[in-house]
Amino acid sequence: MKTVDIHAKNKKFTAIAWALAALMLAVMIPLNLIFERLDIDFDMTSNSMYTLTKTTTDYLDALDKQGVVVDVYFLTPMEELKGEPEVLALYQTLLAYDAHACFNLIDIDPDTEPQVLKELNPDGFYNLSDGDFLFVHGDMVKRMPGKLMYTYEYETGEDGSQSVISASFNAENYFTGAMKSVVDGVQPTVYFLEGHGEIPLTKMTKLQANLGNYNYGAAQLNLINAEKVPDDACIVMIPGPTSDITDAEYEKLSDFLDLGGNVTLLMTPNDAKLSYTNLSSLMAEFCIGMDYDRVYETDTARHASGNPYIFLCDLKPAGDNAKVDLTGALLEDSALLTYMPASRSFYSIFGSNYQTLNMDTLIATQNTACGEPYGGTFEDPDPIVGKEMYLAMYSEDSLRKYAKMAVFGSAEFITDEAMATDYYINPVNLFLSTITWMYNSDVDMEIANKNKTYDALKVNSEDAATGYIALFVAVPCMIALVGVIIWLRRKDA
């Protein structure tokens, strides 16, 4: 009978195990150093978080072949992103774009390179901040706010604290869309109607700067002489008309709306004895009616000192059936009060197409405000007293190629004089929100966002925390200790 030397066999297996471990280290350590030196990374994420989609690579490859180059200024040094887990996706994505000749990434530090920032933004036209991007190609410039790169979803704990439970990485759709926007020369234009006593663009230079910051152009439009609304128009603004539009202009604007166009009316109170027949007809098509009044506040605590026509009003939260929320973000900042200058009021009309519209109120008064008769052709009109009045509304017609209309009771708050004060910050921001709702200037490449999930463990008490520590720390240690004891006993057997 052959005798087996157990001790010799154990030593042999142990030696083999150590040899394999040493071999693994000998292979992995040099490979890791090589990959680190060559800056090679492998995307092991389930949704290819760090890899560009075929839509993007095909587009960038085509630009490379054409010799097109877009300068992309990033207002943060890339070194600040490297090694930061929360922005790793952005860092790797920028490297992937920069690997293409058409994407010329230029990272700058606004704090140490203010002269570069001044050259990029000499007139302060773009409201730039750390982390923002500027895409520049020829005369085309597109700003991309850094805050758009990630969208976070939070969960509120019982103690009121918030924790991130998921994040959406949105950069690729924005970056590729911005590239296409500046290469193709796409800049939608907001046209401001003239010829009816409207406020001219020369008195709204701050608003023009804001529109440029949102990547819109601005121009005057004389629709009396034009055959139609220009093809590049995304929105037609009518800021404070003192007379009505003509029948021909009404037809041109109606045709524009039939094609899915967008119109905003800012109807500053007018004491003239006239009727805005055609403008009222445009509004009626969206089930919006207009009062011939001037609103003021009777509660002295709710208006500017000595001026009841500059008064506090309320942003209205989106209704239960609303398909869009234009006031939610503004309502979150409770520190900002909403003032309006002398405004007229509006109301809903239950027209035949009312059920097909998506409409809601944006700004309303308290019932302490009053609407005094002001202008119009009605005989002995009654004042509006003791009820909420609407100062801004919106409406969208799904049967008219989703044509949109927004109305405001005044145009005064978008003038340079008004925007130089702090009174009208909320109305201005709301006005800008209606513009992006009507027409989003970003080119959508239909590239899906990439989601990142955060794993979290809720601990509701000290006893629970102790239990988790025992489960995840003490128990594995006990199992390891038992394993060592068994191994020692077998070793000596």
Protein backbone atom coordinates (compact mmCIF):
# COMPACT_ATOMS: atom_id res chain seq x y z
CA MET A 1 0.00 0.00 0.00
CA LYS A 2 1.37 3.40 -1.05
CA THR A 3 1.81 5.99 1.73
CA VAL A 4 0.75 9.61 0.97
CA ASP A 5 2.68 12.36 2.67
CA ILE A 6 -0.15 14.82 3.58
CA HIS A 7 2.24 17.50 4.84
CA ALA A 8 4.28 17.42 1.63
CA LYS A 9 1.07 17.64 -0.47
CA ASN A 10 -0.21 20.63 1.51
CA LYS A 11 3.11 22.40 1.11
CA LYS A 12 3.02 21.70 -2.63
CA PHE A 13 -0.50 23.19 -3.05
CA THR A 14 0.42 26.16 -0.86
CA ALA A 15 3.50 26.80 -2.96
CA ILE A 16 1.45 26.62 -6.15
CA ALA A 17 -1.13 29.04 -4.72
CA TRP A 18 1.55 31.54 -3.73
CA ALA A 19 3.21 31.16 -7.11
CA LEU A 20 -0.07 31.87 -8.92
CA ALA A 21 -0.73 34.90 -6.71
CA ALA A 22 2.78 36.22 -7.37
CA LEU A 23 2.32 35.61 -11.10
CA MET A 24 -0.98 37.49 -11.06
CA LEU A 25 0.65 40.45 -9.33
CA ALA A 26 3.57 40.30 -11.73
CA VAL A 27 1.19 40.60 -14.66
CA MET A 28 -1.41 43.04 -13.29
CA ILE A 29 0.92 45.63 -11.76
CA PRO A 30 2.86 46.31 -14.99
CA LEU A 31 -0.39 46.31 -17.02
CA ASN A 32 -1.94 48.82 -14.63
CA LEU A 33 1.14 51.04 -14.87
CA ILE A 34 1.11 50.81 -18.67
CA PHE A 35 -2.60 51.70 -18.89
CA GLU A 36 -2.09 54.58 -16.46
CA ARG A 37 0.89 55.90 -18.43
CA LEU A 38 -1.04 55.66 -21.73
CA ASP A 39 -4.17 57.06 -20.04
CA ILE A 40 -6.23 54.09 -21.23
CA ASP A 41 -9.60 53.46 -19.63
CA PHE A 42 -12.20 50.78 -20.16
CA ASP A 43 -15.91 51.63 -19.91
CA MET A 44 -17.33 48.84 -17.73
CA THR A 45 -20.61 50.66 -16.95
CA SER A 46 -23.87 48.95 -17.93
CA ASN A 47 -25.11 51.98 -19.93
CA SER A 48 -21.74 52.98 -21.48
CA MET A 49 -21.61 56.11 -19.33
CA TYR A 50 -18.16 57.09 -20.63
CA THR A 51 -18.57 56.11 -24.31
CA LEU A 52 -19.96 58.30 -27.08
CA THR A 53 -22.94 57.00 -29.03
CA LYS A 54 -22.80 56.14 -32.73
CA THR A 55 -24.88 59.24 -33.50
CA THR A 56 -22.16 61.45 -32.05
CA THR A 57 -19.14 59.58 -33.44
CA ASP A 58 -20.64 59.50 -36.95
CA TYR A 59 -21.32 63.25 -36.80
CA LEU A 60 -17.86 64.09 -35.43
CA ASP A 61 -16.18 61.83 -37.99
CA ALA A 62 -18.05 63.66 -40.77
CA LEU A 63 -16.88 67.05 -39.43
CA ASP A 64 -13.31 65.72 -39.18
CA LYS A 65 -13.39 64.74 -42.86
CA GLN A 66 -14.73 68.19 -43.80
CA GLY A 67 -11.98 69.91 -41.84
CA VAL A 68 -14.50 71.76 -39.67
CA VAL A 69 -13.21 72.93 -36.29
CA VAL A 70 -15.32 74.23 -33.40
CA ASP A 71 -13.53 75.95 -30.52
CA VAL A 72 -15.09 74.75 -27.26
CA TYR A 73 -14.18 76.92 -24.29
CA PHE A 74 -14.67 75.25 -20.91
CA LEU A 75 -14.62 77.60 -17.94
CA THR A 76 -13.01 75.08 -15.60
CA PRO A 77 -9.51 73.56 -15.75
CA MET A 78 -9.71 69.90 -16.75
CA GLU A 79 -7.30 69.02 -13.93
CA GLU A 80 -10.02 69.95 -11.44
CA LEU A 81 -12.28 67.26 -12.89
CA LYS A 82 -9.71 64.49 -13.07
CA GLY A 83 -10.12 62.00 -10.26
CA GLU A 84 -13.42 63.48 -9.04
CA PRO A 85 -15.99 60.63 -8.99
CA GLU A 86 -19.04 62.90 -9.27
CA VAL A 87 -17.87 64.46 -12.55
CA LEU A 88 -15.96 61.49 -13.96
CA ALA A 89 -18.56 61.03 -16.71
CA LEU A 90 -18.11 64.65 -17.84
CA TYR A 91 -14.32 64.35 -17.74
CA GLN A 92 -14.25 61.15 -19.81
CA THR A 93 -16.85 62.50 -22.25
CA LEU A 94 -14.83 65.66 -22.87
CA LEU A 95 -11.72 63.54 -23.52
CA ALA A 96 -13.71 61.41 -25.99
CA TYR A 97 -14.90 64.52 -27.85
CA ASP A 98 -11.46 66.11 -27.78
CA ALA A 99 -10.03 63.02 -29.48
CA HIS A 100 -11.72 64.36 -32.65
CA ALA A 101 -10.02 67.17 -34.55
CA CYS A 102 -13.32 69.05 -35.00
CA PHE A 103 -13.76 69.48 -31.23
CA ASN A 104 -11.03 71.85 -30.06
CA LEU A 105 -11.34 71.83 -26.27
CA ILE A 106 -9.86 74.90 -24.58
CA ASP A 107 -10.12 74.80 -20.80
CA ILE A 108 -9.53 78.05 -18.96
CA ASP A 109 -9.53 79.18 -15.36
CA PRO A 110 -11.64 82.36 -15.07
CA ASP A 111 -9.84 83.28 -11.85
CA THR A 112 -6.30 83.14 -13.27
CA GLU A 113 -7.10 83.95 -16.92
CA PRO A 114 -9.60 86.84 -16.74
CA GLN A 115 -8.22 88.34 -19.96
CA VAL A 116 -9.34 85.27 -21.93
CA LEU A 117 -12.82 85.57 -20.44
CA LYS A 118 -12.89 89.27 -21.37
CA GLU A 119 -11.96 88.44 -24.96
CA LEU A 120 -14.72 85.83 -25.15
CA ASN A 121 -17.32 88.08 -23.56
CA PRO A 122 -16.21 91.71 -24.10
CA ASP A 123 -19.65 93.26 -23.60
CA GLY A 124 -20.79 90.92 -20.84
CA PHE A 125 -23.36 89.66 -23.34
CA TYR A 126 -23.15 86.10 -22.06
CA ASN A 127 -23.89 85.47 -18.41
CA LEU A 128 -20.92 83.16 -17.90
CA SER A 129 -20.01 81.35 -14.71
CA ASP A 130 -17.62 78.57 -13.68
CA GLY A 131 -18.34 75.31 -15.46
CA ASP A 132 -20.06 76.89 -18.47
CA PHE A 133 -19.16 76.17 -22.10
CA LEU A 134 -18.94 78.39 -25.19
CA PHE A 135 -19.07 76.75 -28.63
CA VAL A 136 -17.56 79.08 -31.24
CA HIS A 137 -17.49 78.58 -35.01
CA GLY A 138 -17.01 81.64 -37.21
CA ASP A 139 -19.57 84.25 -36.12
CA MET A 140 -21.75 81.69 -34.37
CA VAL A 141 -21.47 81.43 -30.59
CA LYS A 142 -23.56 79.20 -28.36
CA ARG A 143 -23.43 79.23 -24.58
CA MET A 144 -24.03 75.98 -22.74
CA PRO A 145 -24.63 76.34 -18.96
CA GLY A 146 -22.64 73.80 -16.97
CA LYS A 147 -25.63 73.17 -14.70
CA LEU A 148 -27.35 71.36 -17.59
CA MET A 149 -24.81 68.55 -17.59
CA TYR A 150 -26.38 66.66 -14.68
CA THR A 151 -29.92 66.38 -13.39
CA TYR A 152 -30.28 65.01 -9.86
CA GLU A 153 -33.18 63.31 -8.15
CA TYR A 154 -33.35 63.72 -4.38
CA GLU A 155 -35.05 61.89 -1.56
CA THR A 156 -36.05 63.71 1.61
CA GLY A 157 -35.49 61.88 4.89
CA GLU A 158 -37.64 62.04 7.98
CA ASP A 159 -35.33 64.67 9.46
CA GLY A 160 -35.72 66.88 6.38
CA SER A 161 -32.27 66.11 4.98
CA GLN A 162 -31.94 65.34 1.28
CA SER A 163 -29.86 62.65 -0.35
CA VAL A 164 -29.17 62.00 -4.02
CA ILE A 165 -30.76 58.76 -5.22
CA SER A 166 -30.08 59.06 -8.96
CA ALA A 167 -28.38 61.33 -11.46
CA SER A 168 -28.95 61.80 -15.17
CA PHE A 169 -25.90 62.68 -17.29
CA ASN A 170 -27.14 64.89 -20.13
CA ALA A 171 -23.97 66.24 -21.71
CA GLU A 172 -23.77 64.27 -24.95
CA ASN A 173 -27.10 65.39 -26.39
CA TYR A 174 -26.29 69.00 -25.49
CA PHE A 175 -22.70 68.90 -26.80
CA THR A 176 -23.50 67.30 -30.14
CA GLY A 177 -26.53 69.56 -30.55
CA ALA A 178 -24.41 72.64 -29.82
CA MET A 179 -21.83 71.51 -32.38
CA LYS A 180 -24.53 71.15 -35.03
CA SER A 181 -26.09 74.47 -34.04
CA VAL A 182 -22.96 76.56 -34.56
CA VAL A 183 -21.76 74.61 -37.61
CA ASP A 184 -25.13 74.93 -39.36
CA GLY A 185 -25.51 78.54 -38.24
CA VAL A 186 -28.81 77.92 -36.47
CA GLN A 187 -30.05 80.84 -34.36
CA PRO A 188 -33.82 81.22 -34.08
CA THR A 189 -35.04 84.81 -34.15
CA VAL A 190 -37.55 86.48 -31.86
CA TYR A 191 -39.27 89.21 -33.89
CA PHE A 192 -40.68 92.32 -32.19
CA LEU A 193 -43.63 93.82 -34.03
CA GLU A 194 -43.54 97.53 -34.84
CA GLY A 195 -45.89 100.03 -36.42
CA HIS A 196 -48.53 100.21 -33.68
CA GLY A 197 -46.80 102.26 -30.98
CA GLU A 198 -44.94 99.26 -29.53
CA ILE A 199 -41.88 99.64 -27.31
CA PRO A 200 -38.84 99.61 -29.66
CA LEU A 201 -35.92 97.23 -29.24
CA THR A 202 -33.66 100.21 -28.51
CA LYS A 203 -35.39 100.45 -25.11
CA MET A 204 -34.95 96.74 -24.42
CA THR A 205 -31.19 96.21 -24.78
CA LYS A 206 -30.97 94.24 -21.51
CA LEU A 207 -33.68 91.91 -22.76
CA GLN A 208 -31.78 91.44 -26.02
CA ALA A 209 -28.71 90.46 -24.02
CA ASN A 210 -30.79 87.93 -22.10
CA LEU A 211 -32.17 86.51 -25.35
CA GLY A 212 -28.64 86.19 -26.70
CA ASN A 213 -27.65 84.42 -23.52
CA TYR A 214 -30.40 81.90 -24.29
CA ASN A 215 -29.13 81.64 -27.91
CA TYR A 216 -31.89 83.64 -29.61
CA GLY A 217 -31.55 86.49 -32.06
CA ALA A 218 -33.77 89.59 -31.85
CA ALA A 219 -35.08 91.82 -34.64
CA GLN A 220 -37.85 94.29 -35.41
CA LEU A 221 -40.68 93.22 -37.74
CA ASN A 222 -42.88 95.51 -39.79
CA LEU A 223 -45.63 93.13 -40.80
CA ILE A 224 -47.52 95.81 -42.74
CA ASN A 225 -44.88 95.73 -45.49
CA ALA A 226 -43.84 92.07 -45.18
CA GLU A 227 -45.61 89.37 -47.16
CA LYS A 228 -45.64 87.05 -44.16
CA VAL A 229 -43.92 86.34 -40.88
CA PRO A 230 -40.27 85.46 -41.75
CA ASP A 231 -39.42 81.78 -42.03
CA ASP A 232 -36.71 82.04 -39.36
CA ALA A 233 -39.16 83.45 -36.78
CA CYS A 234 -39.56 81.31 -33.70
CA ILE A 235 -41.72 83.83 -31.79
CA VAL A 236 -43.47 87.09 -32.63
CA MET A 237 -43.59 89.58 -29.73
CA ILE A 238 -46.08 92.44 -29.59
CA PRO A 239 -44.75 94.68 -26.75
CA GLY A 240 -47.17 97.35 -25.60
CA PRO A 241 -49.12 98.30 -28.74
CA THR A 242 -51.09 101.55 -28.51
CA SER A 243 -53.24 100.72 -31.55
CA ASP A 244 -54.68 97.59 -33.14
CA ILE A 245 -53.09 95.58 -35.96
CA THR A 246 -54.65 95.67 -39.43
CA ASP A 247 -56.83 92.94 -40.91
CA ALA A 248 -53.98 91.94 -43.22
CA GLU A 249 -51.56 91.64 -40.29
CA TYR A 250 -54.11 89.57 -38.42
CA GLU A 251 -54.26 87.13 -41.34
CA LYS A 252 -50.45 86.89 -41.52
CA LEU A 253 -50.17 86.20 -37.79
CA SER A 254 -53.02 83.70 -37.96
CA ASP A 255 -51.26 81.88 -40.82
CA PHE A 256 -48.07 81.84 -38.73
CA LEU A 257 -49.98 80.28 -35.83
CA ASP A 258 -51.57 77.71 -38.16
CA LEU A 259 -48.03 76.49 -38.94
CA GLY A 260 -47.33 75.98 -35.23
CA GLY A 261 -45.97 79.48 -34.64
CA ASN A 262 -45.79 81.31 -31.32
CA VAL A 263 -47.06 84.77 -30.34
CA THR A 264 -46.60 86.75 -27.11
CA LEU A 265 -48.71 89.82 -26.39
CA LEU A 266 -47.65 92.30 -23.71
CA MET A 267 -50.71 94.53 -23.45
CA THR A 268 -49.78 97.62 -21.42
CA PRO A 269 -52.92 99.52 -20.27
CA ASN A 270 -53.93 102.19 -22.78
CA ASP A 271 -56.42 104.96 -21.97
CA ALA A 272 -57.29 105.59 -25.62
CA LYS A 273 -60.90 105.09 -26.64
CA LEU A 274 -60.18 102.28 -29.03
CA SER A 275 -60.83 98.57 -29.38
CA TYR A 276 -58.09 96.02 -30.06
CA THR A 277 -60.44 94.07 -32.31
CA ASN A 278 -57.89 92.01 -34.25
CA LEU A 279 -55.54 91.40 -31.32
CA SER A 280 -58.54 90.34 -29.22
CA SER A 281 -59.54 87.92 -31.99
CA LEU A 282 -56.06 86.37 -31.94
CA MET A 283 -56.33 85.87 -28.18
CA ALA A 284 -59.90 84.53 -28.45
CA GLU A 285 -58.62 81.76 -30.75
CA PHE A 286 -56.69 80.56 -27.67
CA CYS A 287 -59.68 81.14 -25.35
CA ILE A 288 -58.14 84.20 -23.70
CA GLY A 289 -60.16 87.37 -23.15
CA MET A 290 -58.76 90.81 -22.30
CA ASP A 291 -60.16 93.50 -19.97
CA TYR A 292 -59.89 97.23 -20.73
CA ASP A 293 -58.69 98.14 -17.27
CA ARG A 294 -55.70 99.20 -15.20
CA VAL A 295 -54.99 97.16 -12.07
CA TYR A 296 -53.92 98.71 -8.78
CA GLU A 297 -53.59 97.43 -5.22
CA THR A 298 -55.74 98.82 -2.39
CA ASP A 299 -53.73 97.16 0.39
CA THR A 300 -50.91 99.59 1.23
CA ALA A 301 -48.77 96.69 2.49
CA ARG A 302 -48.81 95.17 -0.98
CA HIS A 303 -47.73 98.04 -3.20
CA ALA A 304 -44.72 100.29 -3.65
CA SER A 305 -44.56 103.30 -1.36
CA GLY A 306 -46.91 105.95 -2.68
CA ASN A 307 -47.65 104.04 -5.90
CA PRO A 308 -50.54 101.53 -5.87
CA TYR A 309 -49.89 100.73 -9.55
CA ILE A 310 -46.63 98.91 -8.71
CA PHE A 311 -47.87 96.08 -6.55
CA LEU A 312 -47.27 92.61 -5.21
CA CYS A 313 -48.95 89.71 -6.99
CA ASP A 314 -48.64 85.94 -6.97
CA LEU A 315 -47.00 83.44 -9.26
CA LYS A 316 -49.52 80.64 -9.71
CA PRO A 317 -48.43 77.01 -9.37
CA ALA A 318 -49.22 74.76 -12.31
CA GLY A 319 -52.78 73.42 -12.23
CA ASP A 320 -53.54 69.74 -11.66
CA ASN A 321 -54.20 69.17 -15.36
CA ALA A 322 -51.40 71.38 -16.69
CA LYS A 323 -48.93 69.73 -19.06
CA VAL A 324 -46.22 72.30 -18.45
CA ASP A 325 -44.90 74.01 -15.32
CA LEU A 326 -43.55 77.50 -16.02
CA THR A 327 -43.62 78.84 -12.46
CA GLY A 328 -42.39 75.92 -10.34
CA ALA A 329 -38.69 76.84 -10.41
CA LEU A 330 -39.48 80.46 -9.53
CA LEU A 331 -41.79 79.46 -6.67
CA GLU A 332 -38.95 77.45 -5.10
CA ASP A 333 -37.09 80.71 -4.44
CA SER A 334 -39.45 82.17 -1.86
CA ALA A 335 -37.03 85.04 -1.14
CA LEU A 336 -37.98 86.81 -4.37
CA LEU A 337 -41.23 88.78 -4.39
CA THR A 338 -43.26 89.22 -7.56
CA TYR A 339 -44.13 92.80 -8.47
CA MET A 340 -45.93 94.00 -11.57
CA PRO A 341 -46.30 97.55 -12.93
CA ALA A 342 -49.68 98.95 -13.96
CA SER A 343 -51.21 96.04 -15.82
CA ARG A 344 -54.42 95.08 -17.48
CA SER A 345 -56.15 91.79 -16.65
CA PHE A 346 -57.26 88.75 -18.65
CA TYR A 347 -59.80 85.96 -18.28
CA SER A 348 -60.64 82.57 -19.78
CA ILE A 349 -63.17 82.21 -22.59
CA PHE A 350 -64.97 78.89 -22.95
CA GLY A 351 -64.76 78.71 -26.73
CA SER A 352 -65.57 75.73 -28.95
CA ASN A 353 -61.91 74.60 -28.87
CA TYR A 354 -61.45 75.03 -25.10
CA GLN A 355 -61.13 71.27 -24.48
CA THR A 356 -58.27 70.95 -26.98
CA LEU A 357 -56.16 73.64 -25.33
CA ASN A 358 -53.48 73.34 -22.69
CA MET A 359 -53.83 76.61 -20.80
CA ASP A 360 -53.23 78.02 -17.34
CA THR A 361 -52.71 81.19 -15.30
CA LEU A 362 -49.18 82.42 -14.59
CA ILE A 363 -49.63 85.56 -12.46
CA ALA A 364 -52.66 86.64 -10.43
CA THR A 365 -53.58 89.35 -7.93
CA GLN A 366 -55.04 89.05 -4.47
CA ASN A 367 -58.70 90.01 -4.10
CA THR A 368 -57.58 93.30 -2.54
CA ALA A 369 -56.55 94.55 -5.99
CA CYS A 370 -58.94 96.50 -8.18
CA GLY A 371 -59.29 96.83 -11.95
CA GLU A 372 -60.34 100.38 -12.80
CA PRO A 373 -61.87 100.96 -16.28
CA TYR A 374 -59.16 102.30 -18.56
CA GLY A 375 -59.59 102.96 -22.28
CA GLY A 376 -61.75 100.89 -24.59
CA THR A 377 -65.08 101.75 -26.15
CA PHE A 378 -67.52 100.42 -23.54
CA GLU A 379 -70.05 102.83 -22.07
CA ASP A 380 -69.80 103.20 -18.26
CA PRO A 381 -67.89 99.95 -17.58
CA ASP A 382 -67.89 98.62 -14.03
CA PRO A 383 -64.63 98.29 -12.08
CA ILE A 384 -63.41 94.82 -11.14
CA VAL A 385 -63.49 94.61 -7.36
CA GLY A 386 -63.05 91.93 -4.71
CA LYS A 387 -61.80 89.06 -6.82
CA GLU A 388 -58.59 87.52 -8.13
CA MET A 389 -57.51 88.90 -11.51
CA TYR A 390 -55.18 87.24 -14.02
CA LEU A 391 -52.19 89.31 -15.16
CA ALA A 392 -50.43 86.64 -17.27
CA MET A 393 -51.66 83.46 -18.96
CA TYR A 394 -50.54 80.92 -21.54
CA SER A 395 -52.35 78.65 -23.98
CA GLU A 396 -51.33 75.93 -26.43
CA ASP A 397 -53.48 74.50 -29.23
CA SER A 398 -52.77 70.81 -29.90
CA LEU A 399 -54.94 70.91 -33.05
CA ARG A 400 -52.95 73.81 -34.51
CA LYS A 401 -49.57 72.08 -34.66
CA TYR A 402 -49.08 73.03 -31.00
CA ALA A 403 -49.14 76.77 -31.66
CA LYS A 404 -48.54 78.68 -28.43
CA MET A 405 -49.60 82.03 -27.01
CA ALA A 406 -48.57 83.91 -23.88
CA VAL A 407 -50.12 87.14 -22.64
CA PHE A 408 -48.86 89.63 -20.04
CA GLY A 409 -50.76 92.63 -18.71
CA SER A 410 -47.86 95.00 -19.29
CA ALA A 411 -44.70 95.38 -21.36
CA GLU A 412 -43.09 97.87 -18.99
CA PHE A 413 -41.22 95.27 -16.93
CA ILE A 414 -38.99 94.24 -19.88
CA THR A 415 -37.72 97.77 -20.60
CA ASP A 416 -34.17 98.77 -19.66
CA GLU A 417 -35.49 101.23 -17.07
CA ALA A 418 -37.57 98.59 -15.29
CA MET A 419 -34.90 95.87 -15.48
CA ALA A 420 -32.44 98.23 -13.77
CA THR A 421 -34.51 97.77 -10.58
CA ASP A 422 -35.06 94.65 -8.46
CA TYR A 423 -38.85 94.86 -8.60
CA TYR A 424 -39.42 92.79 -11.71
CA ILE A 425 -36.92 89.91 -11.47
CA ASN A 426 -39.63 87.26 -11.26
CA PRO A 427 -41.79 88.56 -14.14
CA VAL A 428 -38.69 88.85 -16.36
CA ASN A 429 -37.58 85.31 -15.53
CA LEU A 430 -41.12 84.06 -16.10
CA PHE A 431 -41.20 85.87 -19.44
CA LEU A 432 -37.93 84.16 -20.44
CA SER A 433 -39.39 80.82 -19.34
CA THR A 434 -42.31 81.29 -21.72
CA ILE A 435 -39.82 81.86 -24.54
CA THR A 436 -37.95 78.60 -23.94
CA TRP A 437 -41.32 76.83 -23.54
CA MET A 438 -42.48 78.19 -26.86
CA TYR A 439 -39.28 77.39 -28.73
CA ASN A 440 -36.26 75.60 -27.32
CA SER A 441 -33.17 76.93 -29.08
CA ASP A 442 -31.20 73.75 -28.33
CA VAL A 443 -30.81 71.34 -31.24
CA ASP A 444 -32.10 67.96 -30.04
CA MET A 445 -29.99 65.11 -31.42
CA GLU A 446 -32.28 62.58 -29.71
CA ILE A 447 -29.37 61.10 -27.76
CA ALA A 448 -30.71 59.52 -24.59
CA ASN A 449 -29.40 60.70 -21.23
CA LYS A 450 -27.35 58.25 -19.20
CA ASN A 451 -28.49 57.43 -15.69
CA LYS A 452 -26.33 56.87 -12.67
CA THR A 453 -27.88 55.20 -9.62
CA TYR A 454 -26.72 55.85 -6.08
CA ASP A 455 -26.90 52.97 -3.63
CA ALA A 456 -28.01 54.04 -0.18
CA LEU A 457 -28.61 52.33 3.13
CA LYS A 458 -31.19 53.85 5.45
CA VAL A 459 -30.36 53.65 9.15
CA ASN A 460 -33.26 54.73 11.35
CA SER A 461 -31.72 54.21 14.81
CA GLU A 462 -28.49 53.59 16.73
CA ASP A 463 -29.52 49.98 17.37
CA ALA A 464 -30.04 49.45 13.65
CA ALA A 465 -26.63 50.96 12.94
CA THR A 466 -25.03 48.58 15.45
CA GLY A 467 -26.81 45.67 13.81
CA TYR A 468 -25.56 46.66 10.36
CA ILE A 469 -22.00 46.96 11.68
CA ALA A 470 -22.28 43.48 13.15
CA LEU A 471 -23.71 42.13 9.91
CA PHE A 472 -21.19 43.68 7.53
CA VAL A 473 -18.06 43.78 9.69
CA ALA A 474 -18.21 41.47 12.70
CA VAL A 475 -19.86 38.49 10.96
CA PRO A 476 -17.31 38.33 8.08
CA CYS A 477 -14.49 38.64 10.64
CA MET A 478 -15.97 35.76 12.68
CA ILE A 479 -16.30 33.62 9.56
CA ALA A 480 -12.69 34.37 8.64
CA LEU A 481 -11.54 33.53 12.17
CA VAL A 482 -13.41 30.20 12.11
CA GLY A 483 -11.81 29.46 8.74
CA VAL A 484 -8.34 30.15 10.12
CA ILE A 485 -8.95 27.90 13.16
CA ILE A 486 -10.19 25.05 10.93
CA TRP A 487 -7.22 25.50 8.61
CA LEU A 488 -4.77 25.38 11.57
CA ARG A 489 -6.36 22.23 12.93
CA ARG A 490 -6.27 20.53 9.52
CA LYS A 491 -2.70 21.67 9.06
CA ASP A 492 -1.58 19.93 12.26
CA ALA A 493 -3.70 16.83 11.67
